[in-house]
Amino acid sequence: STKELVRHIVDEKVREALARGEGQDDSPLKTEVARLSELVRAGNEKIAKADARRKAAEAETLTKSAHADRCEQELQAVSAQFAAFRDQVADKEEETARALDMSERQARQRAKTEAAEGAAAAAAAAEAQIL
């Protein structure tokens, strides 16, 4: 990784400086090592922040995906309920149509019966008058 590569370069420079006899507290190499160490620390912080943002984005994506899945399931459930309701309405409409048809037939039959009974009564009355 980048962190390990930078640490390796810094360690290499320190070994080279020590081999040359540099290493006193006021040496330019020590200043350079401190500067590089600070750069490594700052780079590690940036990497950690970027990683945290990436993880947060992944978590948000998973949350949104789970929410979308729940919405899809709810939509399917509501669609199924609506289809069942629509089927019930169609069944009721058929049942009502059959009942109306039956009522109309019964009403016609009653009217025929009443008309026949009325005609029979009128014929009986006419026959009674004749006799």
Foldseek 3Di string as FASTA:
>chain_A
DVLVVLVVVLVVLVVVCVVVVDDPPPGVNVVVSVVSVVVSVVVVVVVVVVVVVVVVVVVVVVVVVVVVVVVVVVVVVVVVVVVVVVVVVVVVVVVVVVVVVVVVVVVVVVVVVVVVVVVVVVVVVVVVVVD
